[in-house]
């Protein structure tokens, strides 16, 4: 697997996590009490994971560009 292929994998995971987040957001208006607390926690975890996937994909896509800076 190349670095660009790995970057695409991370980008795909970002899209999957983002879609799950979009599906959970409407539930914020429905859930109450402890269920709402758990939903918010789950949303935060998915959000953090999505951000990390996006950051990692960006770093990997730019990996070879950064090497050119040091040549």
PDB file of N, CA and C in Angstrom:
ATOM      1  N   UNK A   1       0.852  -1.177   0.000  1.00  0.00           N
ATOM      2  CA  UNK A   1       0.000   0.000   0.000  1.00  0.00           C
ATOM      3  C   UNK A   1       0.897   1.239   0.000  1.00  0.00           C
ATOM      4  N   UNK A   2       0.580   2.178  -0.883  1.00  0.00           N
ATOM      5  CA  UNK A   2       1.357   3.412  -0.947  1.00  0.00           C
ATOM      6  C   UNK A   2       0.826   4.414   0.079  1.00  0.00           C
ATOM      7  N   UNK A   3       1.576   5.467   0.265  1.00  0.00           N
ATOM      8  CA  UNK A   3       1.160   6.514   1.202  1.00  0.00           C
ATOM      9  C   UNK A   3      -0.119   7.184   0.709  1.00  0.00           C
ATOM     10  N   UNK A   4      -0.225   7.393  -0.592  1.00  0.00           N
ATOM     11  CA  UNK A   4      -1.446   8.008  -1.131  1.00  0.00           C
ATOM     12  C   UNK A   4      -2.655   7.100  -0.962  1.00  0.00           C
ATOM     13  N   UNK A   5      -2.467   5.799  -1.120  1.00  0.00           N
ATOM     14  CA  UNK A   5      -3.567   4.862  -0.893  1.00  0.00           C
ATOM     15  C   UNK A   5      -4.002   4.891   0.568  1.00  0.00           C
ATOM     16  N   UNK A   6      -3.025   4.958   1.466  1.00  0.00           N
ATOM     17  CA  UNK A   6      -3.341   5.057   2.886  1.00  0.00           C
ATOM     18  C   UNK A   6      -4.089   6.356   3.183  1.00  0.00           C
ATOM     19  N   UNK A   7      -3.662   7.436   2.549  1.00  0.00           N
ATOM     20  CA  UNK A   7      -4.346   8.721   2.719  1.00  0.00           C
ATOM     21  C   UNK A   7      -5.795   8.624   2.265  1.00  0.00           C
ATOM     22  N   UNK A   8      -6.028   7.932   1.159  1.00  0.00           N
ATOM     23  CA  UNK A   8      -7.402   7.751   0.678  1.00  0.00           C
ATOM     24  C   UNK A   8      -8.227   6.925   1.661  1.00  0.00           C
ATOM     25  N   UNK A   9      -7.610   5.942   2.299  1.00  0.00           N
ATOM     26  CA  UNK A   9      -8.310   5.139   3.317  1.00  0.00           C
ATOM     27  C   UNK A   9      -8.748   6.026   4.484  1.00  0.00           C
ATOM     28  N   UNK A  10      -7.852   6.881   4.935  1.00  0.00           N
ATOM     29  CA  UNK A  10      -8.205   7.790   6.025  1.00  0.00           C
ATOM     30  C   UNK A  10      -9.298   8.763   5.591  1.00  0.00           C
ATOM     31  N   UNK A  11      -9.214   9.225   4.364  1.00  0.00           N
ATOM     32  CA  UNK A  11     -10.235  10.140   3.853  1.00  0.00           C
ATOM     33  C   UNK A  11     -11.599   9.442   3.783  1.00  0.00           C
ATOM     34  N   UNK A  12     -11.600   8.186   3.377  1.00  0.00           N
ATOM     35  CA  UNK A  12     -12.843   7.415   3.321  1.00  0.00           C
ATOM     36  C   UNK A  12     -13.424   7.229   4.722  1.00  0.00           C
ATOM     37  N   UNK A  13     -12.583   6.943   5.701  1.00  0.00           N
ATOM     38  CA  UNK A  13     -13.057   6.804   7.081  1.00  0.00           C
ATOM     39  C   UNK A  13     -13.622   8.118   7.597  1.00  0.00           C
ATOM     40  N   UNK A  14     -13.004   9.232   7.203  1.00  0.00           N
ATOM     41  CA  UNK A  14     -13.519  10.550   7.578  1.00  0.00           C
ATOM     42  C   UNK A  14     -14.944  10.727   7.046  1.00  0.00           C
ATOM     43  N   UNK A  15     -15.159  10.336   5.796  1.00  0.00           N
ATOM     44  CA  UNK A  15     -16.487  10.480   5.195  1.00  0.00           C
ATOM     45  C   UNK A  15     -17.520   9.597   5.900  1.00  0.00           C
ATOM     46  N   UNK A  16     -17.116   8.389   6.255  1.00  0.00           N
ATOM     47  CA  UNK A  16     -18.026   7.477   6.962  1.00  0.00           C
ATOM     48  C   UNK A  16     -18.396   8.048   8.329  1.00  0.00           C
ATOM     49  N   UNK A  17     -17.403   8.523   9.066  1.00  0.00           N
ATOM     50  CA  UNK A  17     -17.657   9.088  10.390  1.00  0.00           C
ATOM     51  C   UNK A  17     -18.513  10.354  10.294  1.00  0.00           C
ATOM     52  N   UNK A  18     -18.252  11.165   9.287  1.00  0.00           N
ATOM     53  CA  UNK A  18     -19.044  12.389   9.101  1.00  0.00           C
ATOM     54  C   UNK A  18     -20.503  12.056   8.810  1.00  0.00           C
ATOM     55  N   UNK A  19     -20.729  11.018   8.021  1.00  0.00           N
ATOM     56  CA  UNK A  19     -22.101  10.598   7.723  1.00  0.00           C
ATOM     57  C   UNK A  19     -22.800  10.108   8.992  1.00  0.00           C
ATOM     58  N   UNK A  20     -22.089   9.383   9.829  1.00  0.00           N
ATOM     59  CA  UNK A  20     -22.674   8.925  11.096  1.00  0.00           C
ATOM     60  C   UNK A  20     -23.011  10.112  11.986  1.00  0.00           C
ATOM     61  N   UNK A  21     -22.120  11.106  12.011  1.00  0.00           N
ATOM     62  CA  UNK A  21     -22.395  12.313  12.799  1.00  0.00           C
ATOM     63  C   UNK A  21     -23.657  13.012  12.297  1.00  0.00           C
ATOM     64  N   UNK A  22     -23.755  13.149  10.998  1.00  0.00           N
ATOM     65  CA  UNK A  22     -24.938  13.799  10.413  1.00  0.00           C
ATOM     66  C   UNK A  22     -26.218  13.056  10.766  1.00  0.00           C
ATOM     67  N   UNK A  23     -26.138  11.739  10.849  1.00  0.00           N
ATOM     68  CA  UNK A  23     -27.315  10.939  11.196  1.00  0.00           C
ATOM     69  C   UNK A  23     -27.674  11.072  12.679  1.00  0.00           C
ATOM     70  N   UNK A  24     -26.682  11.309  13.526  1.00  0.00           N
ATOM     71  CA  UNK A  24     -26.940  11.405  14.968  1.00  0.00           C
ATOM     72  C   UNK A  24     -27.417  12.785  15.404  1.00  0.00           C
ATOM     73  N   UNK A  25     -27.045  13.824  14.694  1.00  0.00           N
ATOM     74  CA  UNK A  25     -27.367  15.190  15.116  1.00  0.00           C
ATOM     75  C   UNK A  25     -28.860  15.445  15.316  1.00  0.00           C
ATOM     76  N   UNK A  26     -29.741  14.958  14.454  1.00  0.00           N
ATOM     77  CA  UNK A  26     -31.176  15.204  14.691  1.00  0.00           C
ATOM     78  C   UNK A  26     -31.683  14.587  16.000  1.00  0.00           C
ATOM     79  N   UNK A  27     -31.005  13.563  16.468  1.00  0.00           N
ATOM     80  CA  UNK A  27     -31.421  12.919  17.719  1.00  0.00           C
ATOM     81  C   UNK A  27     -31.195  13.815  18.939  1.00  0.00           C
ATOM     82  N   UNK A  28     -30.371  14.844  18.783  1.00  0.00           N
ATOM     83  CA  UNK A  28     -30.135  15.771  19.900  1.00  0.00           C
ATOM     84  C   UNK A  28     -31.427  16.457  20.334  1.00  0.00           C
ATOM     85  N   UNK A  29     -32.368  16.605  19.407  1.00  0.00           N
ATOM     86  CA  UNK A  29     -33.654  17.236  19.731  1.00  0.00           C
ATOM     87  C   UNK A  29     -34.667  16.255  20.297  1.00  0.00           C
ATOM     88  N   UNK A  30     -34.346  14.974  20.238  1.00  0.00           N
ATOM     89  CA  UNK A  30     -35.282  13.936  20.662  1.00  0.00           C
ATOM     90  C   UNK A  30     -34.913  13.364  22.031  1.00  0.00           C
ATOM     91  N   UNK A  31     -33.644  13.097  22.230  1.00  0.00           N
ATOM     92  CA  UNK A  31     -33.186  12.442  23.463  1.00  0.00           C
ATOM     93  C   UNK A  31     -33.240  13.398  24.646  1.00  0.00           C
ATOM     94  N   UNK A  32     -33.411  12.830  25.819  1.00  0.00           N
ATOM     95  CA  UNK A  32     -33.461  13.601  27.068  1.00  0.00           C
ATOM     96  C   UNK A  32     -32.669  12.872  28.143  1.00  0.00           C
ATOM     97  N   UNK A  33     -32.299  13.589  29.163  1.00  0.00           N
ATOM     98  CA  UNK A  33     -31.661  12.991  30.339  1.00  0.00           C
ATOM     99  C   UNK A  33     -30.358  12.284  30.033  1.00  0.00           C
ATOM    100  N   UNK A  34     -30.202  11.107  30.639  1.00  0.00           N
ATOM    101  CA  UNK A  34     -28.964  10.343  30.506  1.00  0.00           C
ATOM    102  C   UNK A  34     -28.712   9.902  29.065  1.00  0.00           C
ATOM    103  N   UNK A  35     -29.796   9.625  28.326  1.00  0.00           N
ATOM    104  CA  UNK A  35     -29.640   9.248  26.921  1.00  0.00           C
ATOM    105  C   UNK A  35     -29.012  10.385  26.117  1.00  0.00           C
ATOM    106  N   UNK A  36     -29.399  11.615  26.434  1.00  0.00           N
ATOM    107  CA  UNK A  36     -28.834  12.773  25.757  1.00  0.00           C
ATOM    108  C   UNK A  36     -27.354  12.927  26.096  1.00  0.00           C
ATOM    109  N   UNK A  37     -27.007  12.712  27.350  1.00  0.00           N
ATOM    110  CA  UNK A  37     -25.603  12.789  27.773  1.00  0.00           C
ATOM    111  C   UNK A  37     -24.773  11.755  27.018  1.00  0.00           C
ATOM    112  N   UNK A  38     -25.283  10.534  26.928  1.00  0.00           N
ATOM    113  CA  UNK A  38     -24.568   9.474  26.222  1.00  0.00           C
ATOM    114  C   UNK A  38     -24.444   9.780  24.730  1.00  0.00           C
ATOM    115  N   UNK A  39     -25.506  10.327  24.140  1.00  0.00           N
ATOM    116  CA  UNK A  39     -25.469  10.692  22.730  1.00  0.00           C
ATOM    117  C   UNK A  39     -24.425  11.778  22.484  1.00  0.00           C
ATOM    118  N   UNK A  40     -24.409  12.792  23.330  1.00  0.00           N
ATOM    119  CA  UNK A  40     -23.415  13.861  23.175  1.00  0.00           C
ATOM    120  C   UNK A  40     -21.992  13.319  23.297  1.00  0.00           C
ATOM    121  N   UNK A  41     -21.795  12.397  24.211  1.00  0.00           N
ATOM    122  CA  UNK A  41     -20.470  11.787  24.378  1.00  0.00           C
ATOM    123  C   UNK A  41     -20.077  11.011  23.120  1.00  0.00           C
ATOM    124  N   UNK A  42     -21.031  10.270  22.588  1.00  0.00           N
ATOM    125  CA  UNK A  42     -20.774   9.488  21.375  1.00  0.00           C
ATOM    126  C   UNK A  42     -20.480  10.409  20.193  1.00  0.00           C
ATOM    127  N   UNK A  43     -21.236  11.487  20.071  1.00  0.00           N
ATOM    128  CA  UNK A  43     -21.006  12.457  18.999  1.00  0.00           C
ATOM    129  C   UNK A  43     -19.611  13.060  19.125  1.00  0.00           C
ATOM    130  N   UNK A  44     -19.219  13.391  20.338  1.00  0.00           N
ATOM    131  CA  UNK A  44     -17.896  13.978  20.551  1.00  0.00           C
ATOM    132  C   UNK A  44     -16.781  12.998  20.151  1.00  0.00           C
ATOM    133  N   UNK A  45     -16.957  11.744  20.484  1.00  0.00           N
ATOM    134  CA  UNK A  45     -15.961  10.726  20.129  1.00  0.00           C
ATOM    135  C   UNK A  45     -15.877  10.584  18.607  1.00  0.00           C
ATOM    136  N   UNK A  46     -17.023  10.487  17.949  1.00  0.00           N
ATOM    137  CA  UNK A  46     -17.035  10.382  16.490  1.00  0.00           C
ATOM    138  C   UNK A  46     -16.422  11.625  15.858  1.00  0.00           C
ATOM    139  N   UNK A  47     -16.731  12.792  16.411  1.00  0.00           N
ATOM    140  CA  UNK A  47     -16.180  14.046  15.891  1.00  0.00           C
ATOM    141  C   UNK A  47     -14.658  14.053  16.011  1.00  0.00           C
ATOM    142  N   UNK A  48     -14.150  13.672  17.178  1.00  0.00           N
ATOM    143  CA  UNK A  48     -12.695  13.621  17.376  1.00  0.00           C
ATOM    144  C   UNK A  48     -12.041  12.630  16.422  1.00  0.00           C
ATOM    145  N   UNK A  49     -12.673  11.480  16.238  1.00  0.00           N
ATOM    146  CA  UNK A  49     -12.130  10.475  15.317  1.00  0.00           C
ATOM    147  C   UNK A  49     -12.135  10.997  13.878  1.00  0.00           C
ATOM    148  N   UNK A  50     -13.202  11.659  13.478  1.00  0.00           N
ATOM    149  CA  UNK A  50     -13.293  12.201  12.121  1.00  0.00           C
ATOM    150  C   UNK A  50     -12.218  13.262  11.897  1.00  0.00           C
ATOM    151  N   UNK A  51     -12.037  14.139  12.863  1.00  0.00           N
ATOM    152  CA  UNK A  51     -11.005  15.177  12.747  1.00  0.00           C
ATOM    153  C   UNK A  51      -9.619  14.561  12.630  1.00  0.00           C
ATOM    154  N   UNK A  52      -9.366  13.539  13.401  1.00  0.00           N
ATOM    155  CA  UNK A  52      -8.062  12.876  13.357  1.00  0.00           C
ATOM    156  C   UNK A  52      -7.845  12.195  12.003  1.00  0.00           C
ATOM    157  N   UNK A  53      -8.874  11.582  11.464  1.00  0.00           N
ATOM    158  CA  UNK A  53      -8.762  10.967  10.137  1.00  0.00           C
ATOM    159  C   UNK A  53      -8.479  12.025   9.074  1.00  0.00           C
ATOM    160  N   UNK A  54      -9.167  13.151   9.155  1.00  0.00           N
ATOM    161  CA  UNK A  54      -8.962  14.232   8.187  1.00  0.00           C
ATOM    162  C   UNK A  54      -7.544  14.788   8.287  1.00  0.00           C
ATOM    163  N   UNK A  55      -7.064  14.995   9.505  1.00  0.00           N
ATOM    164  CA  UNK A  55      -5.692  15.496   9.707  1.00  0.00           C
ATOM    165  C   UNK A  55      -4.662  14.517   9.164  1.00  0.00           C
ATOM    166  N   UNK A  56      -4.862  13.251   9.468  1.00  0.00           N
ATOM    167  CA  UNK A  56      -3.917  12.228   9.027  1.00  0.00           C
ATOM    168  C   UNK A  56      -3.909  12.132   7.498  1.00  0.00           C
ATOM    169  N   UNK A  57      -5.077  12.154   6.881  1.00  0.00           N
ATOM    170  CA  UNK A  57      -5.158  12.112   5.422  1.00  0.00           C
ATOM    171  C   UNK A  57      -4.421  13.300   4.816  1.00  0.00           C
ATOM    172  N   UNK A  58      -4.624  14.482   5.367  1.00  0.00           N
ATOM    173  CA  UNK A  58      -3.958  15.684   4.854  1.00  0.00           C
ATOM    174  C   UNK A  58      -2.443  15.581   4.978  1.00  0.00           C
ATOM    175  N   UNK A  59      -1.986  15.067   6.105  1.00  0.00           N
ATOM    176  CA  UNK A  59      -0.546  14.898   6.306  1.00  0.00           C
ATOM    177  C   UNK A  59       0.024  13.895   5.309  1.00  0.00           C
ATOM    178  N   UNK A  60      -0.695  12.806   5.096  1.00  0.00           N
ATOM    179  CA  UNK A  60      -0.207  11.781   4.179  1.00  0.00           C
ATOM    180  C   UNK A  60      -0.235  12.256   2.731  1.00  0.00           C
ATOM    181  N   UNK A  61      -1.282  12.982   2.342  1.00  0.00           N
ATOM    182  CA  UNK A  61      -1.334  13.507   0.975  1.00  0.00           C
ATOM    183  C   UNK A  61      -0.168  14.466   0.719  1.00  0.00           C
ATOM    184  N   UNK A  62       0.241  15.198   1.735  1.00  0.00           N
ATOM    185  CA  UNK A  62       1.331  16.156   1.576  1.00  0.00           C
ATOM    186  C   UNK A  62       2.700  15.596   1.912  1.00  0.00           C
ATOM    187  N   UNK A  63       2.785  14.319   2.184  1.00  0.00           N
ATOM    188  CA  UNK A  63       4.042  13.711   2.642  1.00  0.00           C
ATOM    189  C   UNK A  63       5.175  13.933   1.653  1.00  0.00           C
ATOM    190  N   UNK A  64       4.952  13.653   0.377  1.00  0.00           N
ATOM    191  CA  UNK A  64       6.021  13.786  -0.603  1.00  0.00           C
ATOM    192  C   UNK A  64       6.343  15.247  -0.884  1.00  0.00           C
ATOM    193  N   UNK A  65       5.357  16.118  -0.766  1.00  0.00           N
ATOM    194  CA  UNK A  65       5.597  17.543  -0.966  1.00  0.00           C
ATOM    195  C   UNK A  65       6.566  18.078   0.077  1.00  0.00           C
ATOM    196  N   UNK A  66       6.442  17.614   1.319  1.00  0.00           N
ATOM    197  CA  UNK A  66       7.318  18.068   2.388  1.00  0.00           C
ATOM    198  C   UNK A  66       8.747  17.592   2.164  1.00  0.00           C
ATOM    199  N   UNK A  67       8.918  16.396   1.591  1.00  0.00           N
ATOM    200  CA  UNK A  67      10.270  15.900   1.325  1.00  0.00           C
ATOM    201  C   UNK A  67      10.974  16.806   0.315  1.00  0.00           C
ATOM    202  N   UNK A  68      10.229  17.327  -0.659  1.00  0.00           N
ATOM    203  CA  UNK A  68      10.803  18.202  -1.672  1.00  0.00           C
ATOM    204  C   UNK A  68      11.343  19.482  -1.056  1.00  0.00           C
ATOM    205  N   UNK A  69      10.807  19.901   0.075  1.00  0.00           N
ATOM    206  CA  UNK A  69      11.263  21.116   0.734  1.00  0.00           C
ATOM    207  C   UNK A  69      12.698  20.995   1.249  1.00  0.00           C
ATOM    208  N   UNK A  70      13.086  19.770   1.565  1.00  0.00           N
ATOM    209  CA  UNK A  70      14.396  19.555   2.181  1.00  0.00           C
ATOM    210  C   UNK A  70      15.462  19.150   1.171  1.00  0.00           C
ATOM    211  N   UNK A  71      15.112  19.030  -0.094  1.00  0.00           N
ATOM    212  CA  UNK A  71      16.085  18.638  -1.123  1.00  0.00           C
ATOM    213  C   UNK A  71      16.919  19.815  -1.569  1.00  0.00           C
TER     214      UNK A  71
END
